N, C-alpha and C. Protein backbone atom coordinates (compact mmCIF):
# COMPACT_ATOMS: atom_id res chain seq x y z
N MET A 1 85.98 98.31 109.35
CA MET A 1 86.92 98.53 108.07
C MET A 1 87.95 97.60 108.12
N ILE A 2 88.44 96.94 107.08
CA ILE A 2 89.50 95.92 107.06
C ILE A 2 90.77 96.69 107.08
N ASP A 3 91.78 96.14 108.00
CA ASP A 3 93.14 96.63 108.14
C ASP A 3 94.07 95.46 107.65
N SER A 4 95.13 95.88 107.14
CA SER A 4 96.00 94.97 106.55
C SER A 4 96.64 94.08 107.65
N SER A 5 96.59 94.42 108.92
CA SER A 5 97.18 93.62 109.80
C SER A 5 96.45 92.38 110.08
N ILE A 6 95.10 92.28 109.80
CA ILE A 6 94.32 91.09 110.12
C ILE A 6 94.32 90.16 108.88
N ILE A 7 95.03 90.42 107.80
CA ILE A 7 95.14 89.57 106.61
C ILE A 7 96.11 88.53 106.85
N ALA A 8 95.71 87.30 106.95
CA ALA A 8 96.66 86.23 107.25
C ALA A 8 95.97 84.91 106.60
N GLY A 9 96.72 83.92 106.41
CA GLY A 9 96.29 82.61 105.92
C GLY A 9 96.25 82.43 104.44
N TYR A 10 96.76 83.34 103.75
CA TYR A 10 96.65 83.33 102.18
C TYR A 10 97.86 82.96 101.62
N GLY A 11 98.83 82.32 102.43
CA GLY A 11 100.07 81.71 101.82
C GLY A 11 101.02 82.90 101.11
N GLU A 12 101.51 82.50 100.04
CA GLU A 12 102.30 83.56 99.37
C GLU A 12 101.63 84.75 98.87
N ALA A 13 100.28 84.64 98.80
CA ALA A 13 99.53 85.82 98.25
C ALA A 13 99.28 86.82 99.53
N THR A 14 99.52 86.57 100.87
CA THR A 14 99.23 87.27 101.92
C THR A 14 99.85 88.54 101.77
N GLU A 15 101.35 88.66 101.41
CA GLU A 15 101.93 90.12 101.45
C GLU A 15 101.18 90.85 100.23
N ARG A 16 101.10 90.27 99.17
CA ARG A 16 100.33 90.97 97.94
C ARG A 16 99.04 91.62 98.38
N LEU A 17 98.18 90.86 99.20
CA LEU A 17 96.94 91.45 99.53
C LEU A 17 97.14 92.56 100.64
N ARG A 18 98.01 92.37 101.60
CA ARG A 18 98.30 93.41 102.51
C ARG A 18 98.77 94.60 101.75
N ALA A 19 99.54 94.50 100.76
CA ALA A 19 100.07 95.70 99.94
C ALA A 19 98.83 96.45 99.32
N VAL A 20 97.80 95.71 98.91
CA VAL A 20 96.71 96.31 98.22
C VAL A 20 96.00 97.09 99.14
N VAL A 21 95.65 96.50 100.37
CA VAL A 21 94.94 97.12 101.41
C VAL A 21 95.74 98.39 101.91
N SER A 22 96.91 98.19 102.09
CA SER A 22 97.64 99.33 102.67
C SER A 22 97.63 100.52 101.64
N GLU A 23 97.80 100.25 100.34
CA GLU A 23 97.81 101.19 99.33
C GLU A 23 96.27 101.84 99.40
N ALA A 24 95.48 101.21 99.32
CA ALA A 24 94.12 101.71 99.28
C ALA A 24 93.90 102.75 100.54
N HIS A 25 94.29 102.34 101.77
CA HIS A 25 94.07 103.08 102.76
C HIS A 25 95.12 104.38 102.85
N SER A 26 96.03 104.36 102.02
CA SER A 26 96.97 105.62 102.01
C SER A 26 96.36 106.74 101.04
N ILE A 27 95.29 106.32 100.33
CA ILE A 27 94.82 107.37 99.31
C ILE A 27 94.10 108.58 100.06
N ARG A 28 94.33 109.72 99.64
CA ARG A 28 93.82 111.00 100.28
C ARG A 28 92.59 111.42 99.63
N TRP A 29 91.51 110.68 99.85
CA TRP A 29 90.32 110.97 99.13
C TRP A 29 89.71 112.29 99.31
N PHE A 30 89.25 112.68 98.24
CA PHE A 30 88.73 114.15 98.13
C PHE A 30 89.42 115.21 98.85
N ARG A 31 90.80 115.12 98.84
CA ARG A 31 91.81 116.09 99.50
C ARG A 31 92.22 117.02 98.32
N THR A 32 92.44 118.32 98.57
CA THR A 32 93.04 119.31 97.49
C THR A 32 94.54 118.95 97.48
N LEU A 33 94.87 118.47 96.33
CA LEU A 33 96.37 118.29 95.91
C LEU A 33 96.93 119.31 95.13
N GLN A 34 97.97 119.92 95.58
CA GLN A 34 98.53 121.08 95.07
C GLN A 34 99.17 120.76 93.69
N GLU A 35 99.94 119.75 93.63
CA GLU A 35 100.73 119.42 92.43
C GLU A 35 100.03 118.46 91.50
N GLU A 36 100.07 118.84 90.29
CA GLU A 36 99.62 117.93 89.18
C GLU A 36 100.31 116.50 89.16
N PRO A 37 99.67 115.49 88.97
CA PRO A 37 100.40 114.23 88.88
C PRO A 37 101.27 114.35 87.49
N PRO A 38 102.55 113.53 87.61
CA PRO A 38 103.45 113.47 86.49
C PRO A 38 102.73 112.85 85.23
N PRO A 39 102.76 113.49 84.29
CA PRO A 39 101.91 113.04 82.90
C PRO A 39 102.49 111.54 82.60
N ASP A 40 103.72 111.31 82.59
CA ASP A 40 104.30 110.04 82.23
C ASP A 40 103.96 108.88 83.08
N GLN A 41 103.77 109.30 84.31
CA GLN A 41 103.42 108.30 85.40
C GLN A 41 101.90 108.00 85.09
N VAL A 42 101.04 108.94 84.79
CA VAL A 42 99.57 108.75 84.62
C VAL A 42 99.50 107.85 83.30
N GLU A 43 100.21 108.19 82.19
CA GLU A 43 100.10 107.51 80.99
C GLU A 43 100.52 106.10 81.18
N ARG A 44 101.63 105.90 81.90
CA ARG A 44 102.16 104.45 82.10
C ARG A 44 101.03 103.59 82.84
N LEU A 45 100.48 104.27 83.95
CA LEU A 45 99.32 103.53 84.62
C LEU A 45 98.11 103.05 83.82
N VAL A 46 97.62 104.16 83.05
CA VAL A 46 96.55 103.86 82.10
C VAL A 46 96.94 102.74 81.20
N GLY A 47 98.29 102.79 80.57
CA GLY A 47 98.54 101.80 79.66
C GLY A 47 98.58 100.47 80.30
N GLU A 48 99.11 100.25 81.52
CA GLU A 48 99.06 99.09 82.27
C GLU A 48 97.67 98.47 82.45
N HIS A 49 96.79 99.30 82.67
CA HIS A 49 95.37 99.13 82.97
C HIS A 49 94.80 98.47 81.53
N LEU A 50 94.93 99.32 80.62
CA LEU A 50 94.44 98.85 79.37
C LEU A 50 95.10 97.46 78.95
N ARG A 51 96.19 97.22 79.02
CA ARG A 51 96.95 96.03 78.68
C ARG A 51 96.41 94.81 79.53
N GLY A 52 96.15 95.10 80.80
CA GLY A 52 95.74 94.08 81.61
C GLY A 52 94.34 93.64 81.31
N LEU A 53 93.49 94.45 80.56
CA LEU A 53 92.06 94.14 80.27
C LEU A 53 92.13 93.11 78.99
N GLY A 54 93.28 92.85 78.40
CA GLY A 54 93.29 91.91 77.24
C GLY A 54 92.98 92.46 75.81
N PRO A 55 92.64 91.58 75.05
CA PRO A 55 92.59 91.85 73.58
C PRO A 55 91.18 92.58 73.51
N GLY A 56 90.96 93.38 72.43
CA GLY A 56 89.82 94.10 72.12
C GLY A 56 89.68 95.40 72.85
N VAL A 57 90.67 95.83 73.56
CA VAL A 57 90.54 97.19 74.24
C VAL A 57 91.55 98.02 73.62
N PRO A 58 91.17 99.38 73.23
CA PRO A 58 92.13 100.19 72.74
C PRO A 58 93.21 100.60 73.74
N GLN A 59 94.34 100.92 72.84
CA GLN A 59 95.57 101.08 73.59
C GLN A 59 96.24 102.60 73.24
N ALA A 60 97.08 103.12 73.94
CA ALA A 60 97.78 104.30 73.93
C ALA A 60 96.81 105.51 73.55
N LEU A 61 95.87 105.57 74.48
CA LEU A 61 94.87 106.59 74.24
C LEU A 61 95.38 107.90 74.85
N GLU A 62 94.91 108.93 74.31
CA GLU A 62 95.19 110.36 74.87
C GLU A 62 94.53 110.51 76.22
N ILE A 63 95.29 111.11 77.24
CA ILE A 63 94.67 111.36 78.62
C ILE A 63 93.92 112.58 78.70
N ALA A 64 92.55 112.58 79.07
CA ALA A 64 91.72 113.68 79.17
C ALA A 64 91.28 113.87 80.63
N TRP A 65 91.36 115.10 80.99
CA TRP A 65 91.08 115.42 82.48
C TRP A 65 89.76 116.09 82.55
N LEU A 66 88.86 115.72 83.65
CA LEU A 66 87.81 116.62 84.11
C LEU A 66 88.19 117.03 85.51
N ARG A 67 88.43 118.46 85.46
CA ARG A 67 88.86 118.99 86.69
C ARG A 67 87.76 119.83 87.22
N GLY A 68 87.37 119.79 88.53
CA GLY A 68 86.28 120.68 89.03
C GLY A 68 85.87 120.17 90.41
N GLY A 69 84.85 120.75 90.97
CA GLY A 69 84.14 120.34 92.11
C GLY A 69 83.17 119.17 91.82
N LEU A 70 82.54 118.65 92.88
CA LEU A 70 81.59 117.58 92.77
C LEU A 70 80.48 118.09 91.97
N GLU A 71 80.13 119.18 92.00
CA GLU A 71 78.89 119.87 91.30
C GLU A 71 78.90 119.79 89.97
N MET A 72 80.17 119.54 89.29
CA MET A 72 80.42 119.48 87.96
C MET A 72 79.89 118.08 87.30
N LEU A 73 79.97 117.12 88.38
CA LEU A 73 79.48 115.75 88.08
C LEU A 73 77.99 115.42 88.10
N HIS A 74 77.39 116.36 88.66
CA HIS A 74 75.90 116.14 88.74
C HIS A 74 75.17 117.18 87.87
N GLN A 75 75.90 117.60 86.88
CA GLN A 75 75.11 118.34 85.75
C GLN A 75 74.90 117.36 84.79
N ASP A 76 74.00 117.69 83.79
CA ASP A 76 73.50 116.81 82.90
C ASP A 76 74.50 115.99 81.94
N THR A 77 75.72 116.81 81.68
CA THR A 77 76.61 116.13 80.87
C THR A 77 77.39 115.01 81.55
N TRP A 78 77.61 115.18 82.80
CA TRP A 78 78.60 114.23 83.64
C TRP A 78 77.68 113.62 84.68
N GLY A 79 76.21 113.71 84.70
CA GLY A 79 75.58 113.17 85.81
C GLY A 79 76.02 111.74 86.04
N ILE A 80 76.13 111.34 87.33
CA ILE A 80 76.37 109.80 87.57
C ILE A 80 75.56 109.29 88.65
N ASP A 81 75.56 108.21 88.91
CA ASP A 81 74.47 107.40 89.66
C ASP A 81 75.31 106.65 90.75
N PRO A 82 74.97 106.53 91.88
CA PRO A 82 75.95 105.80 92.93
C PRO A 82 75.94 104.40 92.56
N TYR A 83 75.03 103.87 91.87
CA TYR A 83 75.09 102.32 91.60
C TYR A 83 75.70 101.96 90.19
N GLU A 84 75.76 103.16 89.39
CA GLU A 84 76.32 103.01 88.03
C GLU A 84 77.25 104.27 87.85
N PRO A 85 78.48 104.33 88.50
CA PRO A 85 79.12 105.66 88.85
C PRO A 85 79.31 106.49 87.77
N TRP A 86 79.50 105.99 86.34
CA TRP A 86 79.86 106.92 85.21
C TRP A 86 78.75 106.90 84.23
N GLY A 87 77.64 106.10 84.56
CA GLY A 87 76.54 106.07 83.48
C GLY A 87 76.79 105.35 82.18
N PRO A 88 75.99 105.68 81.15
CA PRO A 88 76.10 104.96 79.86
C PRO A 88 77.21 105.42 78.99
N ARG A 89 77.78 106.65 79.20
CA ARG A 89 78.69 107.24 78.27
C ARG A 89 79.89 106.42 78.08
N TRP A 90 80.59 105.89 79.10
CA TRP A 90 81.84 105.03 79.13
C TRP A 90 81.46 103.48 79.27
N ALA A 91 80.27 103.28 78.62
CA ALA A 91 79.85 101.76 78.85
C ALA A 91 80.87 100.84 78.42
N GLY A 92 81.58 101.16 77.26
CA GLY A 92 82.61 100.25 76.74
C GLY A 92 83.66 99.83 77.88
N ALA A 93 84.14 100.95 78.34
CA ALA A 93 85.15 100.80 79.49
C ALA A 93 84.56 99.88 80.59
N ARG A 94 83.40 100.19 81.00
CA ARG A 94 82.74 99.48 82.22
C ARG A 94 82.68 98.06 81.76
N ASP A 95 82.25 97.80 80.67
CA ASP A 95 81.97 96.29 80.24
C ASP A 95 83.18 95.57 80.16
N ALA A 96 84.25 96.15 79.64
CA ALA A 96 85.60 95.50 79.53
C ALA A 96 86.03 95.16 80.84
N VAL A 97 85.87 96.10 82.03
CA VAL A 97 86.25 95.75 83.31
C VAL A 97 85.42 94.62 83.78
N ASN A 98 84.32 94.72 83.61
CA ASN A 98 83.25 93.69 84.01
C ASN A 98 83.68 92.32 83.55
N ARG A 99 83.94 92.44 82.30
CA ARG A 99 84.29 91.00 81.65
C ARG A 99 85.54 90.40 82.35
N SER A 100 86.57 91.31 82.41
CA SER A 100 87.89 90.88 82.86
C SER A 100 87.77 90.15 84.32
N ILE A 101 86.93 90.65 85.26
CA ILE A 101 86.77 90.09 86.56
C ILE A 101 85.87 88.96 86.53
N ALA A 102 84.91 88.99 85.68
CA ALA A 102 84.07 87.72 85.38
C ALA A 102 84.82 86.63 85.01
N ASP A 103 85.72 86.74 84.13
CA ASP A 103 86.55 85.88 83.56
C ASP A 103 87.56 85.19 84.59
N LEU A 104 88.02 86.17 85.38
CA LEU A 104 88.99 85.75 86.45
C LEU A 104 88.15 84.74 87.36
N ARG A 105 86.94 85.20 87.76
CA ARG A 105 86.25 84.45 88.71
C ARG A 105 85.84 82.91 88.07
N ASP A 106 85.33 83.12 86.79
CA ASP A 106 85.23 81.60 86.11
C ASP A 106 86.45 80.74 86.18
N ARG A 107 87.43 81.44 85.74
CA ARG A 107 88.72 80.63 85.85
C ARG A 107 89.17 79.93 87.36
N ALA A 108 88.78 80.80 88.36
CA ALA A 108 89.05 80.46 89.52
C ALA A 108 88.14 79.26 89.98
N ARG A 109 86.87 79.28 89.69
CA ARG A 109 85.97 78.25 89.82
C ARG A 109 86.16 76.93 89.36
N GLY A 110 87.30 76.87 88.43
CA GLY A 110 87.73 75.64 87.91
C GLY A 110 89.03 75.07 88.36
N LEU A 111 89.54 75.93 89.21
CA LEU A 111 90.69 75.45 90.15
C LEU A 111 90.59 75.24 91.57
N PRO A 112 90.60 73.98 91.97
CA PRO A 112 90.12 73.75 93.53
C PRO A 112 91.31 74.53 94.37
N GLU A 113 92.47 74.77 93.89
CA GLU A 113 93.42 75.35 94.75
C GLU A 113 93.02 76.85 94.97
N ALA A 114 92.46 77.42 93.89
CA ALA A 114 92.00 78.71 93.89
C ALA A 114 90.93 79.05 94.82
N LEU A 115 90.07 78.00 94.76
CA LEU A 115 88.70 78.22 95.62
C LEU A 115 89.17 78.04 96.90
N ALA A 116 90.04 77.18 97.22
CA ALA A 116 90.56 76.99 98.73
C ALA A 116 91.22 78.38 99.25
N ARG A 117 91.60 79.27 98.46
CA ARG A 117 92.17 80.61 98.94
C ARG A 117 91.10 81.66 99.25
N ILE A 118 89.95 81.34 98.63
CA ILE A 118 88.97 82.33 98.87
C ILE A 118 88.07 81.99 100.07
N LYS A 119 88.50 82.76 101.15
CA LYS A 119 88.06 82.58 102.47
C LYS A 119 88.15 83.79 103.32
N PRO A 120 87.68 83.66 104.57
CA PRO A 120 87.97 84.66 105.60
C PRO A 120 89.42 85.00 105.95
N PRO A 121 89.84 86.01 106.30
CA PRO A 121 89.08 87.06 106.74
C PRO A 121 88.55 87.94 105.65
N LEU A 122 89.05 87.98 104.35
CA LEU A 122 88.72 88.91 103.29
C LEU A 122 87.41 88.35 102.55
N TRP A 123 87.27 87.14 102.30
CA TRP A 123 85.95 86.77 101.61
C TRP A 123 85.14 85.88 102.69
N PRO A 124 84.00 86.41 103.18
CA PRO A 124 83.33 85.68 104.27
C PRO A 124 82.78 84.38 103.88
N VAL A 125 82.36 84.09 102.61
CA VAL A 125 81.92 82.82 102.28
C VAL A 125 83.05 81.93 101.38
N PRO A 126 83.52 80.83 102.15
CA PRO A 126 84.60 80.18 101.44
C PRO A 126 84.30 79.63 100.03
N GLY A 127 85.28 79.95 99.06
CA GLY A 127 84.92 79.52 97.74
C GLY A 127 84.13 80.49 96.77
N ASN A 128 83.53 81.47 97.48
CA ASN A 128 82.66 82.47 96.61
C ASN A 128 83.46 83.67 96.53
N PRO A 129 83.86 84.03 95.13
CA PRO A 129 84.75 85.24 95.04
C PRO A 129 83.84 86.48 94.92
N VAL A 130 82.52 86.23 94.71
CA VAL A 130 81.68 87.52 94.53
C VAL A 130 81.41 88.23 95.79
N ILE A 131 81.12 87.39 96.80
CA ILE A 131 80.80 88.26 98.24
C ILE A 131 82.08 88.44 98.93
N CYS A 132 82.06 89.92 99.15
CA CYS A 132 83.21 90.43 99.73
C CYS A 132 83.03 90.84 101.12
N GLY A 133 84.06 91.01 101.97
CA GLY A 133 83.89 91.32 103.34
C GLY A 133 83.70 92.65 103.73
N SER A 134 84.34 93.14 104.85
CA SER A 134 83.88 94.44 105.27
C SER A 134 84.48 95.37 104.24
N PRO A 135 84.03 96.78 104.28
CA PRO A 135 84.55 97.86 103.35
C PRO A 135 85.77 98.05 103.68
N ILE A 136 86.55 98.61 102.70
CA ILE A 136 88.01 99.05 102.73
C ILE A 136 88.15 100.54 102.48
N VAL A 137 87.41 100.96 101.66
CA VAL A 137 87.53 102.49 101.25
C VAL A 137 86.08 103.03 101.34
N ALA A 138 85.08 102.35 101.11
CA ALA A 138 83.72 102.99 101.12
C ALA A 138 83.25 103.24 102.52
N ASP A 139 83.80 104.45 103.17
CA ASP A 139 83.54 104.72 104.51
C ASP A 139 83.11 106.20 104.63
N LEU A 140 81.79 106.23 105.21
CA LEU A 140 81.11 107.49 105.30
C LEU A 140 82.02 108.48 106.06
N ALA A 141 82.78 108.07 107.05
CA ALA A 141 83.78 108.82 107.81
C ALA A 141 84.50 109.68 106.88
N ILE A 142 84.85 109.12 105.63
CA ILE A 142 85.57 109.99 104.71
C ILE A 142 84.90 111.30 104.23
N LEU A 143 83.64 111.23 104.23
CA LEU A 143 82.78 112.41 103.74
C LEU A 143 82.77 113.49 104.97
N ASP A 144 82.70 112.83 106.16
CA ASP A 144 82.82 113.72 107.32
C ASP A 144 84.16 114.43 107.51
N ARG A 145 85.29 113.79 107.24
CA ARG A 145 86.40 114.33 107.46
C ARG A 145 86.90 115.31 106.35
N THR A 146 86.26 115.20 105.36
CA THR A 146 86.48 116.15 104.15
C THR A 146 85.54 117.24 104.04
N GLY A 147 84.54 117.30 105.07
CA GLY A 147 83.48 118.22 104.90
C GLY A 147 82.42 118.12 103.87
N ILE A 148 82.46 116.99 103.09
CA ILE A 148 81.51 116.77 102.02
C ILE A 148 80.21 116.26 102.70
N ALA A 149 80.20 115.77 103.83
CA ALA A 149 78.81 115.45 104.56
C ALA A 149 78.04 116.64 104.95
N GLU A 150 78.50 117.83 104.92
CA GLU A 150 77.86 119.06 105.09
C GLU A 150 77.37 119.81 104.03
N ARG A 151 77.79 119.11 102.71
CA ARG A 151 77.28 119.96 101.49
C ARG A 151 76.04 119.41 101.07
N SER A 152 75.64 119.71 99.87
CA SER A 152 74.30 119.44 99.32
C SER A 152 74.16 117.87 99.25
N SER A 153 72.79 117.43 99.16
CA SER A 153 72.68 115.95 99.13
C SER A 153 73.34 115.42 97.79
N ARG A 154 73.23 116.20 96.73
CA ARG A 154 73.67 115.66 95.40
C ARG A 154 75.34 115.65 95.46
N ASP A 155 75.91 116.42 96.12
CA ASP A 155 77.29 116.32 96.24
C ASP A 155 77.74 115.00 96.94
N ARG A 156 76.93 114.86 98.15
CA ARG A 156 77.19 113.71 98.97
C ARG A 156 76.90 112.38 98.11
N VAL A 157 75.96 112.33 97.30
CA VAL A 157 75.50 111.25 96.56
C VAL A 157 76.73 110.90 95.61
N VAL A 158 77.12 112.01 94.83
CA VAL A 158 78.18 111.89 93.78
C VAL A 158 79.54 111.26 94.63
N ALA A 159 79.82 111.75 95.76
CA ALA A 159 81.09 111.51 96.44
C ALA A 159 80.96 109.98 96.88
N TRP A 160 79.88 109.64 97.32
CA TRP A 160 79.58 108.34 97.65
C TRP A 160 79.64 107.34 96.51
N GLY A 161 79.18 107.69 95.40
CA GLY A 161 79.40 107.06 94.18
C GLY A 161 80.69 106.76 93.76
N LEU A 162 81.64 107.75 93.76
CA LEU A 162 82.96 107.63 93.54
C LEU A 162 83.76 106.64 94.58
N LEU A 163 83.26 106.67 95.85
CA LEU A 163 83.83 105.84 96.75
C LEU A 163 83.47 104.35 96.56
N CYS A 164 82.25 104.09 96.12
CA CYS A 164 81.80 102.82 95.74
C CYS A 164 82.36 102.27 94.62
N ALA A 165 82.61 103.08 93.63
CA ALA A 165 83.45 102.56 92.38
C ALA A 165 84.81 102.18 92.79
N ALA A 166 85.44 102.97 93.72
CA ALA A 166 86.83 102.63 94.02
C ALA A 166 86.77 101.37 94.81
N GLU A 167 85.85 101.18 95.75
CA GLU A 167 85.64 99.97 96.66
C GLU A 167 85.68 98.84 95.67
N SER A 168 84.87 98.75 94.71
CA SER A 168 84.75 97.59 93.76
C SER A 168 86.13 97.38 93.04
N LEU A 169 86.90 98.37 92.62
CA LEU A 169 88.15 98.02 91.84
C LEU A 169 89.04 97.51 92.94
N VAL A 170 89.08 98.02 94.30
CA VAL A 170 90.05 97.44 95.26
C VAL A 170 89.71 95.89 95.56
N TRP A 171 88.55 95.45 95.47
CA TRP A 171 88.15 94.15 95.56
C TRP A 171 88.69 93.27 94.42
N ASN A 172 88.47 93.92 93.28
CA ASN A 172 89.01 93.27 92.06
C ASN A 172 90.42 93.09 92.00
N ALA A 173 91.20 94.16 92.47
CA ALA A 173 92.57 94.09 92.65
C ALA A 173 92.94 92.92 93.55
N LEU A 174 92.17 92.71 94.62
CA LEU A 174 92.66 91.83 95.79
C LEU A 174 92.45 90.30 95.31
N LEU A 175 91.27 90.17 94.46
CA LEU A 175 91.06 88.84 93.85
C LEU A 175 92.26 88.55 92.98
N TRP A 176 92.66 89.59 92.14
CA TRP A 176 93.66 89.30 91.11
C TRP A 176 95.05 88.92 91.78
N GLU A 177 95.23 89.73 92.86
CA GLU A 177 96.56 89.55 93.51
C GLU A 177 96.57 88.13 94.35
N LEU A 178 95.34 87.84 94.82
CA LEU A 178 95.31 86.50 95.41
C LEU A 178 95.49 85.43 94.57
N LEU A 179 95.26 85.52 93.27
CA LEU A 179 95.36 84.25 92.32
C LEU A 179 96.52 84.53 91.36
N ALA A 180 97.40 85.59 91.56
CA ALA A 180 98.40 86.07 90.66
C ALA A 180 99.44 84.70 90.26
N ASP A 181 99.67 83.97 91.26
CA ASP A 181 100.59 82.83 90.97
C ASP A 181 99.93 81.59 90.28
N LEU A 182 98.62 81.42 90.47
CA LEU A 182 97.85 80.37 89.96
C LEU A 182 97.35 80.73 88.65
N ILE A 183 96.90 81.94 88.48
CA ILE A 183 96.30 82.35 87.18
C ILE A 183 97.12 83.54 86.68
N PRO A 184 98.36 83.44 86.20
CA PRO A 184 99.21 84.64 85.92
C PRO A 184 98.65 85.50 84.79
N SER A 185 98.44 86.72 84.99
CA SER A 185 98.19 87.61 83.91
C SER A 185 98.36 89.09 84.67
N PRO A 186 98.42 89.98 83.78
CA PRO A 186 98.63 91.35 84.50
C PRO A 186 97.40 91.91 84.98
N ASP A 187 97.51 92.48 86.24
CA ASP A 187 96.42 92.85 87.03
C ASP A 187 96.09 94.30 86.48
N PRO A 188 94.88 94.36 85.92
CA PRO A 188 94.34 95.83 85.33
C PRO A 188 93.86 96.57 86.52
N PHE A 189 93.88 96.22 87.75
CA PHE A 189 93.19 96.94 88.72
C PHE A 189 94.13 97.73 89.76
N VAL A 190 95.23 97.20 90.03
CA VAL A 190 96.13 97.87 90.85
C VAL A 190 96.62 99.09 90.09
N PRO A 191 96.75 99.29 88.75
CA PRO A 191 97.07 100.48 88.19
C PRO A 191 96.04 101.57 88.37
N LEU A 192 94.79 101.24 88.50
CA LEU A 192 93.77 102.35 88.73
C LEU A 192 93.84 102.58 90.14
N LEU A 193 94.05 101.67 91.11
CA LEU A 193 94.25 102.18 92.46
C LEU A 193 95.44 103.21 92.51
N ARG A 194 96.51 103.03 91.90
CA ARG A 194 97.59 104.03 91.90
C ARG A 194 97.27 105.23 91.31
N LEU A 195 96.40 105.21 90.29
CA LEU A 195 95.92 106.64 89.72
C LEU A 195 94.97 107.39 90.80
N HIS A 196 94.34 106.62 91.59
CA HIS A 196 93.61 107.19 92.70
C HIS A 196 94.66 107.83 93.78
N GLY A 197 95.75 107.05 93.86
CA GLY A 197 96.77 107.65 94.79
C GLY A 197 97.36 108.95 94.25
N LEU A 198 97.26 109.09 92.91
CA LEU A 198 97.71 110.34 92.60
C LEU A 198 96.65 111.57 92.32
N GLY A 199 95.49 111.21 92.89
CA GLY A 199 94.53 112.20 92.84
C GLY A 199 93.51 112.12 91.95
N GLY A 200 93.48 111.09 91.01
CA GLY A 200 92.83 110.87 89.91
C GLY A 200 91.67 109.88 90.13
N TYR A 201 90.43 110.14 89.62
CA TYR A 201 89.40 109.04 89.68
C TYR A 201 89.06 108.68 88.37
N PRO A 202 89.61 107.37 87.97
CA PRO A 202 89.44 106.88 86.55
C PRO A 202 87.96 106.76 86.22
N VAL A 203 87.80 107.20 84.83
CA VAL A 203 86.53 107.05 84.34
C VAL A 203 86.29 106.01 83.39
N GLY A 204 87.23 106.17 82.21
CA GLY A 204 87.29 105.04 81.31
C GLY A 204 87.41 105.72 79.96
N TRP A 205 87.37 104.95 78.85
CA TRP A 205 87.61 105.59 77.42
C TRP A 205 86.49 105.83 76.74
N GLU A 206 86.55 106.73 75.81
CA GLU A 206 85.60 107.09 74.91
C GLU A 206 86.15 107.48 73.60
N GLY A 207 86.01 106.82 72.52
CA GLY A 207 86.75 107.01 71.35
C GLY A 207 88.16 106.85 71.62
N GLU A 208 89.05 107.91 71.37
CA GLU A 208 90.53 108.02 71.48
C GLU A 208 90.90 108.36 72.80
N ARG A 209 90.08 108.70 73.73
CA ARG A 209 90.50 109.43 74.95
C ARG A 209 90.21 108.58 76.13
N TYR A 210 91.04 108.60 77.16
CA TYR A 210 90.79 107.96 78.45
C TYR A 210 90.68 109.10 79.32
N THR A 211 89.40 109.09 79.94
CA THR A 211 89.17 110.28 80.74
C THR A 211 89.38 109.89 82.32
N ILE A 212 89.86 110.84 83.16
CA ILE A 212 90.29 110.82 84.64
C ILE A 212 89.66 112.12 85.21
N TYR A 213 88.93 111.74 86.37
CA TYR A 213 88.51 113.01 86.97
C TYR A 213 89.36 113.35 88.10
N ARG A 214 89.50 114.78 88.35
CA ARG A 214 90.45 115.11 89.36
C ARG A 214 89.62 116.16 90.23
N TYR A 215 89.53 115.93 91.48
CA TYR A 215 88.80 116.76 92.36
C TYR A 215 89.48 118.16 92.68
N VAL A 216 88.82 119.08 92.15
CA VAL A 216 89.31 120.45 92.50
C VAL A 216 88.27 121.34 93.18
N PRO A 217 88.05 121.52 94.35
CA PRO A 217 86.82 122.10 94.83
C PRO A 217 87.11 123.69 94.74
């Protein structure tokens, strides 16, 4: 697992990268949180995420919560796949997120200074922003610590799918922060990381609603 203390050699981006990793490590995955997250803070983070995705993305959406145990996510209505965490229902949100990070990678490939920053210890292949290094949050030990490893196989698959989705957004946030001074634009991924910190698992939008899952065992 990558620790923020090993991150060095990225110039003025170093502290930004350390902050992302530290924030990711501070999240209490699959823990029962007693307090509901402040609605205004949730709305602000969702708004920042949507604005960061750029034009063509709906704004000022109503927040909708899915609250319950992991078993609710492997019913037919909400069934998810670890390789495509939220399935086709929120495909528009998923595609917008994928476009935003693909666009950033394309822009980085056209800037020699940007490519020079994409290197170890975070990116093992210099100049290749697609290949990421060691996991940051996708850790099977989390399932052990929270007791999920002892539950049904479907619960374990669902939990692992949620962690893999979070792992992807952490790496997207890292690339965005790495290039923030070279390719300035609002980061759509750090707000999602902060939603995780509030106990939410961002799903995406459907119609006029932005859905967030909250683990309530």
